[in-house]
Protein backbone atom coordinates (compact mmCIF):
# COMPACT_ATOMS: atom_id res chain seq x y z
CA MET A 1 -32.48 -19.53 10.70
CA ILE A 2 -29.48 -17.78 9.11
CA ASN A 3 -26.35 -19.97 9.20
CA ILE A 4 -22.78 -18.86 9.84
CA LYS A 5 -21.89 -18.65 6.15
CA ASP A 6 -24.91 -16.49 5.31
CA LYS A 7 -24.25 -14.20 8.29
CA THR A 8 -20.62 -13.83 7.26
CA VAL A 9 -21.38 -13.13 3.60
CA LYS A 10 -24.20 -10.73 4.45
CA GLY A 11 -22.05 -8.91 6.98
CA LEU A 12 -19.12 -8.68 4.58
CA PHE A 13 -21.41 -7.43 1.82
CA TRP A 14 -22.86 -4.58 3.89
CA SER A 15 -19.47 -3.71 5.33
CA PHE A 16 -18.13 -3.56 1.79
CA VAL A 17 -21.01 -1.29 0.78
CA ASP A 18 -20.18 0.89 3.79
CA SER A 19 -16.56 1.03 2.67
CA ILE A 20 -17.39 1.85 -0.94
CA PHE A 21 -20.09 4.42 -0.33
CA GLY A 22 -19.56 5.65 3.25
CA GLN A 23 -15.77 5.67 3.29
CA GLY A 24 -15.71 6.43 -0.43
CA LEU A 25 -17.68 9.60 0.24
CA GLN A 26 -15.17 10.58 2.93
CA PHE A 27 -12.36 9.95 0.47
CA ILE A 28 -13.98 12.15 -2.20
CA ILE A 29 -14.53 14.87 0.40
CA GLY A 30 -10.86 14.55 1.38
CA ILE A 31 -9.85 15.01 -2.26
CA ILE A 32 -11.97 18.17 -2.56
CA LEU A 33 -10.48 19.55 0.65
CA ALA A 34 -6.94 18.66 -0.53
CA ARG A 35 -7.50 20.75 -3.67
CA ILE A 36 -8.69 23.72 -1.59
CA LEU A 37 -6.31 23.47 1.37
CA THR A 38 -2.52 23.13 1.55
CA PRO A 39 -0.24 20.31 2.77
CA ARG A 40 0.61 22.43 5.82
CA GLU A 41 -3.00 22.40 7.06
CA PHE A 42 -3.18 18.61 6.78
CA GLY A 43 0.15 18.44 8.59
CA VAL A 44 -1.16 20.46 11.55
CA ILE A 45 -4.10 18.05 11.92
CA GLY A 46 -1.67 15.14 11.65
CA MET A 47 0.27 16.48 14.64
CA MET A 48 -2.77 15.95 16.86
CA ALA A 49 -3.66 12.52 15.46
CA ILE A 50 -1.72 10.43 17.99
CA PHE A 51 -3.24 12.19 21.02
CA ILE A 52 -6.82 11.78 19.77
CA ALA A 53 -6.22 8.17 18.71
CA ILE A 54 -4.68 7.12 22.04
CA SER A 55 -7.48 8.82 23.96
CA GLN A 56 -10.11 7.06 21.87
CA ALA A 57 -8.40 3.70 22.42
CA PHE A 58 -8.40 4.31 26.19
CA ILE A 59 -12.11 5.16 26.22
CA GLU A 60 -13.01 1.93 24.45
CA SER A 61 -10.73 0.03 26.86
CA GLY A 62 -11.14 -3.36 25.22
CA PHE A 63 -14.81 -3.35 26.24
CA ILE A 64 -16.03 -3.56 22.64
CA GLN A 65 -14.18 -6.83 22.08
CA ALA A 66 -15.25 -8.07 25.51
CA LEU A 67 -18.92 -7.38 24.79
CA VAL A 68 -18.76 -8.88 21.29
CA ARG A 69 -16.98 -11.99 22.56
CA LYS A 70 -19.38 -12.54 25.48
CA GLN A 71 -22.13 -14.91 24.37
CA LYS A 72 -24.96 -13.32 26.38
CA CYS A 73 -24.68 -9.66 27.34
CA THR A 74 -27.18 -8.12 29.76
CA GLN A 75 -28.57 -4.63 30.17
CA VAL A 76 -26.31 -4.33 33.22
CA ASP A 77 -23.24 -5.07 31.07
CA TYR A 78 -24.15 -2.49 28.45
CA SER A 79 -25.07 0.21 30.98
CA THR A 80 -21.86 -0.34 32.95
CA VAL A 81 -19.73 0.06 29.82
CA PHE A 82 -21.75 3.11 28.75
CA TYR A 83 -21.12 5.04 31.98
CA PHE A 84 -17.46 4.07 32.01
CA ASN A 85 -17.08 5.37 28.44
CA ILE A 86 -18.70 8.70 29.27
CA SER A 87 -16.64 9.19 32.43
CA GLY A 88 -13.41 8.25 30.69
CA SER A 89 -14.06 10.59 27.76
CA ILE A 90 -14.67 13.56 30.05
CA ILE A 91 -11.49 12.88 32.04
CA LEU A 92 -9.42 12.60 28.85
CA TYR A 93 -11.00 15.71 27.35
CA VAL A 94 -10.04 17.73 30.43
CA SER A 95 -6.53 16.23 30.32
CA LEU A 96 -6.03 17.21 26.68
CA ILE A 97 -7.18 20.75 27.43
CA TYR A 98 -4.68 20.90 30.29
CA PHE A 99 -1.78 19.63 28.17
CA SER A 100 -2.76 21.40 24.92
CA LYS A 101 -0.29 24.27 25.49
CA SER A 102 2.56 21.83 26.16
CA ILE A 103 1.71 19.84 23.03
CA ALA A 104 1.71 23.04 20.97
CA SER A 105 5.12 23.95 22.42
CA PHE A 106 6.46 20.45 21.66
CA TYR A 107 5.73 20.96 17.96
CA ASN A 108 6.40 24.72 18.06
CA GLU A 109 2.95 25.27 16.52
CA PRO A 110 0.95 27.69 18.75
CA GLN A 111 -2.36 27.19 16.91
CA ILE A 112 -2.49 23.56 18.03
CA GLU A 113 -3.48 24.69 21.54
CA ASN A 114 -6.92 25.96 20.49
CA LEU A 115 -7.37 23.37 17.74
CA LEU A 116 -6.85 20.48 20.16
CA LYS A 117 -9.27 21.95 22.71
CA VAL A 118 -12.04 21.88 20.12
CA LEU A 119 -11.08 18.72 18.22
CA SER A 120 -10.96 16.62 21.40
CA LEU A 121 -14.69 17.24 21.93
CA SER A 122 -15.13 14.39 19.46
CA LEU A 123 -14.02 12.00 22.24
CA ILE A 124 -17.09 12.80 24.36
CA ILE A 125 -19.42 12.77 21.36
CA ASN A 126 -18.14 9.35 20.22
CA ALA A 127 -18.35 7.91 23.75
CA PHE A 128 -22.13 8.38 23.80
CA ALA A 129 -22.62 5.87 20.98
CA ILE A 130 -19.92 3.23 21.51
CA VAL A 131 -22.36 0.75 23.07
CA GLN A 132 -24.95 1.24 20.31
CA ARG A 133 -22.32 0.57 17.66
CA THR A 134 -21.13 -2.49 19.58
CA ILE A 135 -24.67 -3.90 19.69
CA LEU A 136 -24.96 -3.55 15.92
CA THR A 137 -21.59 -5.23 15.46
CA LYS A 138 -22.50 -8.05 17.84
CA ASN A 139 -25.69 -8.64 15.86
CA ILE A 140 -23.73 -8.38 12.58
CA ASN A 141 -26.05 -5.55 11.51
CA PHE A 142 -23.87 -3.54 9.15
CA LYS A 143 -26.72 -2.45 6.91
CA LEU A 144 -27.84 0.16 9.44
CA GLN A 145 -24.23 1.18 10.13
CA THR A 146 -23.77 1.75 6.40
CA ARG A 147 -26.77 4.07 6.20
CA ILE A 148 -25.63 6.06 9.22
CA SER A 149 -22.08 6.29 7.88
CA MET A 150 -23.31 7.68 4.56
CA LEU A 151 -25.51 10.29 6.24
CA ALA A 152 -22.64 11.35 8.50
CA SER A 153 -20.19 11.57 5.60
CA ILE A 154 -22.50 13.70 3.45
CA SER A 155 -23.41 16.16 6.21
CA SER A 156 -19.88 16.54 7.63
CA GLY A 157 -18.38 16.82 4.16
CA ALA A 158 -20.78 19.56 3.16
CA VAL A 159 -19.92 21.57 6.28
CA ALA A 160 -16.16 21.07 5.87
CA ILE A 161 -16.13 22.04 2.18
CA TRP A 162 -18.20 25.15 2.92
CA MET A 163 -15.77 26.13 5.71
CA ALA A 164 -12.74 25.53 3.46
CA MET A 165 -14.20 27.67 0.67
CA LYS A 166 -14.94 30.43 3.19
CA GLY A 167 -11.29 30.51 4.23
CA TYR A 168 -11.43 28.73 7.60
CA GLY A 169 -8.36 26.67 6.65
CA VAL A 170 -7.40 23.98 9.15
CA TRP A 171 -10.60 24.59 11.13
CA SER A 172 -12.56 23.05 8.25
CA LEU A 173 -10.79 19.73 9.00
CA VAL A 174 -11.73 20.07 12.67
CA GLY A 175 -15.33 20.74 11.61
CA LEU A 176 -15.26 17.63 9.43
CA THR A 177 -14.41 15.41 12.42
CA LEU A 178 -16.82 17.01 14.89
CA VAL A 179 -19.86 17.03 12.59
CA ARG A 180 -19.24 13.43 11.49
CA SER A 181 -18.99 12.29 15.13
CA PHE A 182 -22.10 14.23 16.15
CA VAL A 183 -24.30 13.02 13.28
CA THR A 184 -23.14 9.42 13.72
CA SER A 185 -23.89 9.45 17.46
CA VAL A 186 -27.30 11.06 17.02
CA PHE A 187 -28.45 8.52 14.42
CA LEU A 188 -27.13 5.58 16.45
CA TRP A 189 -29.24 6.79 19.37
CA VAL A 190 -32.26 7.24 17.12
CA PHE A 191 -32.12 3.92 15.27
CA VAL A 192 -30.65 1.49 17.81
CA GLN A 193 -33.29 0.33 20.27
CA TRP A 194 -31.14 0.54 23.36
CA LYS A 195 -30.98 3.09 26.14
CA PRO A 196 -28.85 2.92 29.33
CA SER A 197 -30.34 2.11 32.69
CA LEU A 198 -29.34 3.92 35.85
CA ILE A 199 -27.02 1.15 36.99
CA PHE A 200 -23.29 0.54 37.23
CA SER A 201 -22.24 -2.95 38.27
CA LYS A 202 -18.81 -3.47 39.78
CA LYS A 203 -19.17 -7.21 39.15
CA SER A 204 -19.96 -6.69 35.47
CA PHE A 205 -17.15 -4.16 35.13
CA ASN A 206 -14.60 -6.53 36.68
CA GLU A 207 -15.76 -9.42 34.49
CA LEU A 208 -15.48 -7.44 31.27
CA PHE A 209 -12.34 -5.61 32.32
CA SER A 210 -10.55 -8.84 33.25
CA TYR A 211 -10.66 -9.69 29.56
CA GLY A 212 -10.49 -6.15 28.22
CA SER A 213 -7.71 -4.76 30.45
CA LYS A 214 -4.89 -6.44 28.56
CA LEU A 215 -6.59 -5.53 25.31
CA LEU A 216 -6.67 -1.94 26.60
CA LEU A 217 -2.91 -1.92 27.10
CA SER A 218 -2.46 -3.71 23.79
CA SER A 219 -4.71 -1.19 22.05
CA LEU A 220 -2.84 1.76 23.57
CA ILE A 221 0.50 0.29 22.46
CA ASN A 222 -0.82 -0.61 19.01
CA THR A 223 -2.35 2.84 18.55
CA SER A 224 0.96 4.40 19.53
CA PHE A 225 2.72 2.01 17.15
CA ILE A 226 0.48 3.07 14.25
CA ASN A 227 0.45 6.81 15.00
CA ILE A 228 4.03 7.32 16.20
CA TYR A 229 5.02 8.32 12.67
CA TYR A 230 2.84 11.43 12.90
CA LEU A 231 4.63 12.41 16.11
CA ILE A 232 8.14 11.75 14.75
CA ILE A 233 7.60 13.45 11.38
CA GLY A 234 5.88 16.43 13.02
CA LYS A 235 8.75 16.84 15.50
CA TYR A 236 11.87 16.02 13.47
CA PHE A 237 10.84 16.94 9.94
CA SER A 238 8.50 19.70 8.74
CA VAL A 239 4.77 20.27 9.01
CA ILE A 240 4.57 20.21 5.19
CA GLN A 241 6.26 16.80 5.02
CA LEU A 242 3.81 15.59 7.65
CA GLY A 243 1.02 16.92 5.43
CA TYR A 244 2.36 14.86 2.53
CA PHE A 245 2.62 11.77 4.73
CA THR A 246 -0.90 12.30 6.12
CA ARG A 247 -2.38 12.53 2.64
CA ALA A 248 -0.49 9.42 1.46
CA VAL A 249 -1.78 7.47 4.45
CA GLN A 250 -5.34 8.58 3.69
CA PHE A 251 -5.03 7.16 0.18
CA THR A 252 -3.91 3.78 1.52
CA GLU A 253 -6.57 3.80 4.26
CA LEU A 254 -9.34 3.83 1.65
CA SER A 255 -8.23 0.35 0.62
CA ALA A 256 -6.07 -1.37 3.24
CA LYS A 257 -7.43 -0.11 6.56
CA ASN A 258 -11.02 -0.02 5.40
CA LEU A 259 -10.70 -3.58 4.16
CA THR A 260 -9.17 -4.55 7.50
CA GLY A 261 -12.00 -2.79 9.30
CA ILE A 262 -14.58 -4.63 7.20
CA ILE A 263 -12.98 -7.99 7.93
CA ASN A 264 -12.59 -7.26 11.66
CA ARG A 265 -16.13 -6.03 12.21
CA VAL A 266 -17.64 -9.08 10.57
CA THR A 267 -15.26 -11.96 11.29
CA PHE A 268 -14.64 -11.36 15.00
CA PRO A 269 -18.29 -11.83 16.08
CA VAL A 270 -18.78 -14.66 13.55
CA LEU A 271 -15.60 -16.55 14.45
CA SER A 272 -16.28 -16.02 18.16
CA THR A 273 -19.35 -18.25 17.81
CA LEU A 274 -17.03 -21.07 16.66
CA GLN A 275 -14.49 -20.79 19.49
CA ASP A 276 -15.50 -24.21 20.87
CA ASN A 277 -15.05 -25.98 17.51
CA LYS A 278 -11.45 -25.58 16.36
CA ILE A 279 -11.88 -27.60 13.17
CA ALA A 280 -14.81 -25.48 11.96
CA LEU A 281 -13.02 -22.34 13.15
CA LYS A 282 -9.88 -23.13 11.16
CA LYS A 283 -11.88 -23.93 8.02
CA LYS A 284 -13.82 -20.66 8.20
CA TYR A 285 -10.71 -18.70 9.17
CA LYS A 286 -8.73 -20.14 6.27
CA ARG A 287 -11.43 -19.15 3.79
CA ILE A 288 -11.55 -15.61 5.17
CA ILE A 289 -7.76 -15.19 5.03
CA THR A 290 -7.34 -16.43 1.46
CA SER A 291 -10.22 -14.44 -0.02
CA SER A 292 -9.35 -11.30 1.95
CA MET A 293 -5.71 -11.35 0.89
CA LEU A 294 -6.57 -11.72 -2.80
CA ILE A 295 -8.53 -8.47 -2.48
CA SER A 296 -5.89 -6.76 -0.34
CA PHE A 297 -2.88 -7.61 -2.51
CA THR A 298 -4.69 -6.72 -5.72
CA LEU A 299 -5.96 -3.39 -4.38
CA MET A 300 -2.73 -2.27 -2.76
CA PHE A 301 -0.31 -3.39 -5.50
CA GLY A 302 -2.67 -1.88 -8.06
CA LEU A 303 -2.85 1.38 -6.11
CA ALA A 304 0.96 1.58 -6.12
CA ALA A 305 0.97 1.02 -9.89
CA ILE A 306 -1.43 3.90 -10.62
CA ALA A 307 -0.12 6.24 -7.91
CA GLU A 308 1.29 8.94 -10.21
CA PRO A 309 -1.70 9.60 -12.52
CA MET A 310 -4.09 9.16 -9.57
CA VAL A 311 -2.38 11.76 -7.37
CA ILE A 312 -1.95 14.30 -10.18
CA THR A 313 -5.53 13.85 -11.40
CA LEU A 314 -7.27 13.87 -8.04
CA ILE A 315 -5.40 16.40 -5.91
CA GLY A 316 -3.00 18.17 -8.28
CA GLU A 317 0.68 18.79 -8.90
CA LYS A 318 1.24 20.42 -5.50
CA TRP A 319 0.90 16.94 -3.97
CA ARG A 320 3.39 15.17 -6.32
CA PRO A 321 5.93 14.51 -3.49
CA ILE A 322 3.51 12.01 -1.91
CA ILE A 323 3.71 9.56 -4.86
CA VAL A 324 6.81 7.71 -3.61
CA TYR A 325 5.48 7.71 -0.03
CA LEU A 326 2.18 6.30 -1.27
CA GLN A 327 3.81 3.49 -3.25
CA LEU A 328 5.91 2.34 -0.30
CA LEU A 329 2.96 2.56 2.10
CA CYS A 330 0.87 0.43 -0.26
CA PHE A 331 3.28 -2.48 0.12
CA ALA A 332 3.41 -2.05 3.90
CA SER A 333 -0.38 -1.81 4.14
CA SER A 334 -1.12 -4.86 1.98
CA LEU A 335 -0.44 -7.12 4.99
CA TYR A 336 -2.77 -5.28 7.40
CA PRO A 337 -5.72 -7.71 7.02
CA LEU A 338 -3.36 -10.63 7.65
CA HIS A 339 -2.03 -8.99 10.82
CA SER A 340 -5.51 -8.28 12.07
CA LEU A 341 -6.95 -11.73 11.38
CA ASN A 342 -4.13 -13.48 13.20
CA LEU A 343 -4.57 -11.21 16.20
CA ASN A 344 -8.30 -11.96 16.17
CA ILE A 345 -7.50 -15.60 16.92
CA LEU A 346 -5.87 -14.51 20.18
CA LYS A 347 -8.90 -12.41 21.10
CA ILE A 348 -11.34 -15.20 20.25
CA PHE A 349 -9.56 -17.59 22.64
CA GLY A 350 -9.28 -14.93 25.34
CA ARG A 351 -5.48 -14.77 25.13
CA SER A 352 -5.24 -11.05 25.74
CA ASP A 353 -1.99 -11.73 27.62
CA LEU A 354 -0.33 -12.91 24.38
CA PHE A 355 -1.90 -9.99 22.54
CA LEU A 356 -0.26 -7.59 25.00
CA ARG A 357 3.10 -9.36 24.77
CA LEU A 358 3.08 -9.04 20.97
CA GLU A 359 2.34 -5.32 21.12
CA ILE A 360 5.25 -4.74 23.51
CA ILE A 361 7.62 -6.67 21.22
CA LYS A 362 6.46 -4.60 18.22
CA ILE A 363 7.20 -1.34 20.01
CA ILE A 364 10.71 -2.58 20.87
CA LEU A 365 11.29 -3.55 17.23
CA LEU A 366 10.02 -0.16 16.10
CA ILE A 367 12.73 1.82 17.93
CA PRO A 368 15.70 1.10 15.58
CA PHE A 369 13.54 1.76 12.51
CA ILE A 370 12.44 5.13 13.93
CA TYR A 371 16.05 6.01 14.77
CA ALA A 372 17.21 5.16 11.24
CA GLY A 373 14.40 7.24 9.75
CA VAL A 374 15.19 10.31 11.86
CA LYS A 375 18.89 9.98 10.99
CA PHE A 376 18.61 9.24 7.26
CA GLY A 377 15.34 10.84 6.15
CA MET A 378 11.66 10.30 5.35
CA LEU A 379 12.15 7.63 2.69
CA ILE A 380 14.17 5.46 5.06
CA LEU A 381 11.49 5.96 7.72
CA ILE A 382 8.77 4.65 5.38
CA ILE A 383 10.94 1.82 4.00
CA GLY A 384 11.49 0.80 7.62
CA GLN A 385 7.73 0.76 8.10
CA MET A 386 7.43 -1.61 5.12
CA LEU A 387 10.09 -4.00 6.48
CA LEU A 388 8.59 -3.88 9.97
CA SER A 389 5.19 -4.86 8.57
CA LEU A 390 6.71 -8.06 7.18
CA ILE A 391 8.49 -8.92 10.44
CA VAL A 392 5.35 -8.24 12.49
CA TYR A 393 3.35 -10.68 10.36
CA PHE A 394 5.49 -13.61 11.51
CA LEU A 395 5.07 -12.49 15.12
CA ASN A 396 1.30 -12.16 14.85
CA SER A 397 0.84 -15.47 13.04
CA TYR A 398 3.07 -17.50 15.39
CA TRP A 399 0.28 -18.32 17.84
CA SER A 400 -2.22 -19.37 15.16
CA LYS A 401 -0.17 -22.58 14.87
CA SER A 402 -0.68 -23.58 18.51
CA LEU A 403 -4.28 -22.33 18.84
CA ILE A 404 -5.86 -23.65 15.61
CA ASN A 405 -2.97 -25.51 13.95
CA TYR A 406 -2.61 -22.96 11.14
CA SER A 407 1.07 -22.03 10.85
CA SER A 408 2.73 -19.06 9.13
CA MET A 409 4.12 -21.31 6.40
CA GLU A 410 0.72 -22.85 5.72
CA GLN A 411 -0.82 -19.38 5.53
CA ILE A 412 1.86 -18.21 3.09
CA LYS A 413 1.32 -21.28 0.94
CA ASP A 414 -2.42 -20.57 0.86
CA ILE A 415 -2.08 -16.88 -0.11
CA LEU A 416 0.80 -17.30 -2.58
CA PRO A 417 -1.52 -17.73 -5.62
CA SER A 418 -3.16 -14.41 -4.70
CA VAL A 419 0.26 -12.72 -4.55
CA PHE A 420 1.04 -13.91 -8.07
CA ILE A 421 -2.28 -12.64 -9.45
CA ALA A 422 -1.83 -9.26 -7.73
CA MET A 423 1.78 -8.88 -8.89
CA GLY A 424 0.87 -9.86 -12.45
CA THR A 425 -2.00 -7.37 -12.51
CA ALA A 426 -0.06 -4.48 -10.92
CA GLY A 427 3.08 -5.14 -12.97
CA SER A 428 1.12 -5.03 -16.23
CA VAL A 429 -0.60 -1.80 -15.18
CA PHE A 430 2.69 -0.16 -14.18
CA ILE A 431 4.38 -1.09 -17.47
CA LEU A 432 1.43 0.27 -19.45
CA GLY A 433 1.63 3.54 -17.54
CA ASN A 434 5.29 3.99 -18.49
CA TYR A 435 4.41 3.78 -22.19
CA LEU A 436 1.36 6.06 -22.11
CA THR A 437 1.98 9.68 -23.12
CA ILE A 438 -1.60 10.91 -22.68
CA ASN A 439 -2.76 13.28 -19.91
CA PRO A 440 -2.94 11.88 -16.35
CA LEU A 441 -6.76 11.54 -16.31
CA LEU A 442 -6.91 9.41 -19.47
CA SER A 443 -3.87 7.44 -18.31
CA LEU A 444 -5.58 6.71 -14.99
CA PHE A 445 -8.74 5.41 -16.69
CA ALA A 446 -6.75 3.34 -19.17
CA GLN A 447 -4.65 1.73 -16.43
CA ILE A 448 -7.66 0.91 -14.24
CA ILE A 449 -9.59 -0.71 -17.11
CA PHE A 450 -6.50 -2.58 -18.29
CA GLY A 451 -5.79 -3.77 -14.74
CA LEU A 452 -9.36 -5.06 -14.31
CA ILE A 453 -9.11 -7.02 -17.57
CA ILE A 454 -5.74 -8.54 -16.60
CA PHE A 455 -7.08 -9.49 -13.15
CA LEU A 456 -10.10 -11.27 -14.67
CA ILE A 457 -7.93 -13.09 -17.19
CA LEU A 458 -5.42 -14.25 -14.56
CA GLY A 459 -8.22 -15.34 -12.23
CA GLU A 460 -9.99 -17.36 -14.92
CA ILE A 461 -6.89 -18.90 -16.51
CA GLY A 462 -5.25 -19.65 -13.15
CA LYS A 463 -8.45 -21.28 -11.80
CA ASN A 464 -7.89 -19.38 -8.56
CA LYS A 465 -10.29 -20.70 -5.89
CA GLU A 466 -10.51 -17.38 -4.06
CA TYR A 467 -11.26 -15.55 -7.30
CA PHE A 468 -14.20 -17.88 -8.04
CA TYR A 469 -15.41 -17.67 -4.41
CA ILE A 470 -15.50 -13.86 -4.53
CA LYS A 471 -17.09 -14.00 -7.98
CA SER A 472 -19.88 -16.25 -6.64
CA ILE A 473 -20.61 -13.83 -3.78
CA ILE A 474 -20.79 -10.87 -6.17
CA ARG A 475 -23.17 -12.80 -8.44
CA GLN A 476 -25.33 -13.74 -5.45
CA TYR A 477 -25.83 -10.13 -4.40
CA ILE A 478 -26.18 -8.73 -7.91
């Protein structure tokens, strides 16, 4: 029988493969599209991001976490969630069609009306496969999810690039989303051995919703919290600046948010099995935090250090304004896995009430930062995002002390060695870049190789436990 450690390592490995190949393919496709399209077209898509994201969060309604957390789910549970998802997606799709003209008027961008009507079809398409994806997550089967993700990325990317080259402009980005959603849903239906029954149980719905309802509100608030910048920049700045911001975020998402997604997908179902053993839970949780943050800090600080040659090499001079945005966002994003892991503790113990309270506090704290950004400019807006990320960490980690006796200060003490390794690596790479006078492509390669060497040296000399733990996992799978 596979033990908890093996399930965790195996799940993390396949999630990492998914991130490297599946999400990596999406990133490469995004680079190709960025070279063909203009910042304005990415900005127009960014204007619709918050409406699609909030709708998607509402459809899921906390049911995914409720199903994953529940020890024994029945066919009735899955079927009930399935029909709720479908009904909710149709209602939201109709609502977005109804409000599409008003949204276009809000931004003073008439083309958004038709774009949103088509793009929001992805909500219905995604709803058909939410339960299948949840079953795979509950079973910690990320190998199949990786294969499906790669197939979806290749097919949607091919369509989007063809559309961009044929002059479809922003519609190629809409096509990218729709085709990816459709292919993903189709393959989940084909490969996951689950089909809904003709049953909807009010009892099952109430049971799952009693846990998921607060997570629904929390998810809606958190999604608004994350995506509010698209709304503010699109309204108070320019569509081109929003395009720059959107592209910068996409660079950071390849590392920070994908890493957070990997950790969430694997650790939540694994840690949920330990909810009745706080000592074992803390031990496993501590290991996950320390190893995850070594990866996160190193990736994000390193990404900030190579931002200039990377942007110029990959997407060209026309995107140079995003370099500063990208560097600031890297520092803000480096804490995302830490935020997420601390919030997972609340979900594991069923404290969705505290989860909701934290999300409300974060929105209140966000208001002065948004005001300062609108008043003083884009850089201040993003610097505020960086400062807010630090403040939010202490809020999210507060309850880990009372639930599993793992305080903020103890967490900081545990991850401090990783911070030093990441700062040493990134600082060395940044200094090297300032002295290099070669073209951006060669500079990028030189900095990456140099950074890898410095990281290995610091890990070995410093006898960093997390470094050797990650090294052992890599050796195991190689």
